[in-house]
C-alpha atoms as a PDB file:
ATOM      1  CA  MET A   1       0.000   0.000   0.000  1.00  0.00           C
ATOM      2  CA  ALA A   2       1.486   3.313  -1.067  1.00  0.00           C
ATOM      3  CA  CYS A   3       1.734   6.182   1.402  1.00  0.00           C
ATOM      4  CA  LEU A   4       1.878   9.916   0.874  1.00  0.00           C
ATOM      5  CA  LEU A   5       5.225  11.674   0.949  1.00  0.00           C
ATOM      6  CA  ALA A   6       5.108  15.024   2.717  1.00  0.00           C
ATOM      7  CA  TRP A   7       8.310  17.070   2.909  1.00  0.00           C
ATOM      8  CA  SER A   8       8.737  18.995   6.134  1.00  0.00           C
ATOM      9  CA  PRO A   9      10.214  22.498   5.930  1.00  0.00           C
ATOM     10  CA  GLU A  10      13.273  21.181   7.780  1.00  0.00           C
ATOM     11  CA  ALA A  11      13.746  18.369   5.262  1.00  0.00           C
ATOM     12  CA  LEU A  12      13.521  20.776   2.333  1.00  0.00           C
ATOM     13  CA  GLU A  13      16.016  23.070   4.025  1.00  0.00           C
ATOM     14  CA  ASP A  14      18.384  20.140   4.575  1.00  0.00           C
ATOM     15  CA  VAL A  15      18.219  19.180   0.896  1.00  0.00           C
ATOM     16  CA  GLU A  16      18.909  22.794  -0.075  1.00  0.00           C
ATOM     17  CA  LEU A  17      21.896  22.940   2.300  1.00  0.00           C
ATOM     18  CA  ILE A  18      23.284  19.677   0.932  1.00  0.00           C
ATOM     19  CA  ALA A  19      22.840  20.958  -2.626  1.00  0.00           C
ATOM     20  CA  SER A  20      24.552  24.245  -1.764  1.00  0.00           C
ATOM     21  CA  PHE A  21      27.512  22.375  -0.281  1.00  0.00           C
ATOM     22  CA  VAL A  22      27.869  20.013  -3.252  1.00  0.00           C
ATOM     23  CA  GLU A  23      27.430  22.917  -5.685  1.00  0.00           C
ATOM     24  CA  ARG A  24      30.640  24.474  -4.387  1.00  0.00           C
ATOM     25  CA  GLY A  25      32.510  21.572  -5.908  1.00  0.00           C
ATOM     26  CA  SER A  26      30.553  20.847  -9.061  1.00  0.00           C
ATOM     27  CA  LEU A  27      27.378  22.016 -10.755  1.00  0.00           C
ATOM     28  CA  TRP A  28      27.207  18.638 -12.495  1.00  0.00           C
ATOM     29  CA  TYR A  29      27.326  16.644  -9.246  1.00  0.00           C
ATOM     30  CA  VAL A  30      24.746  18.824  -7.498  1.00  0.00           C
ATOM     31  CA  LYS A  31      22.134  17.795 -10.073  1.00  0.00           C
ATOM     32  CA  ILE A  32      22.967  14.128  -9.546  1.00  0.00           C
ATOM     33  CA  VAL A  33      22.942  14.351  -5.742  1.00  0.00           C
ATOM     34  CA  ALA A  34      19.713  16.344  -5.527  1.00  0.00           C
ATOM     35  CA  SER A  35      18.010  14.032  -8.014  1.00  0.00           C
ATOM     36  CA  LYS A  36      19.121  10.953  -6.066  1.00  0.00           C
ATOM     37  CA  ILE A  37      17.842  12.384  -2.757  1.00  0.00           C
ATOM     38  CA  VAL A  38      14.432  13.187  -4.251  1.00  0.00           C
ATOM     39  CA  SER A  39      14.066   9.891  -6.138  1.00  0.00           C
ATOM     40  CA  THR A  40      15.035   7.882  -3.058  1.00  0.00           C
ATOM     41  CA  ALA A  41      12.569   9.802  -0.892  1.00  0.00           C
ATOM     42  CA  GLU A  42       9.799   9.285  -3.459  1.00  0.00           C
ATOM     43  CA  PHE A  43      10.565   5.545  -3.595  1.00  0.00           C
ATOM     44  CA  ILE A  44      10.012   5.009   0.153  1.00  0.00           C
ATOM     45  CA  PRO A  45       6.228   5.642   0.246  1.00  0.00           C
ATOM     46  CA  LEU A  46       5.763   3.271  -2.679  1.00  0.00           C
ATOM     47  CA  ASN A  47       7.610   0.542  -0.750  1.00  0.00           C
ATOM     48  CA  PRO A  48       6.886   1.157   2.958  1.00  0.00           C
ATOM     49  CA  GLU A  49       8.091  -2.293   4.005  1.00  0.00           C
ATOM     50  CA  ILE A  50      11.517  -1.950   2.419  1.00  0.00           C
ATOM     51  CA  GLY A  51      14.479  -2.501   4.693  1.00  0.00           C
ATOM     52  CA  PRO A  52      14.991  -4.627   7.773  1.00  0.00           C
ATOM     53  CA  MET A  53      12.207  -5.081  10.283  1.00  0.00           C
ATOM     54  CA  HIS A  54      13.226  -4.501  13.888  1.00  0.00           C
ATOM     55  CA  PRO A  55      11.190  -5.709  16.849  1.00  0.00           C
ATOM     56  CA  LEU A  56       9.654  -2.995  18.977  1.00  0.00           C
ATOM     57  CA  LYS A  57      11.225  -2.564  22.385  1.00  0.00           C
ATOM     58  CA  GLY A  58       9.070  -1.966  25.359  1.00  0.00           C
END
């Protein structure tokens, strides 16, 4: 079951800061890095059970 992806203002700011840092080194790499961050984030709601399952503590 797919979920909705909602970017928080803090998350968007983090992506912008990462892009600004990478941009200092290469305009070409900043496009790749930003694209990878967004595509990975968009993949998660489509596959909510991806990754290892950890038992809940408590």
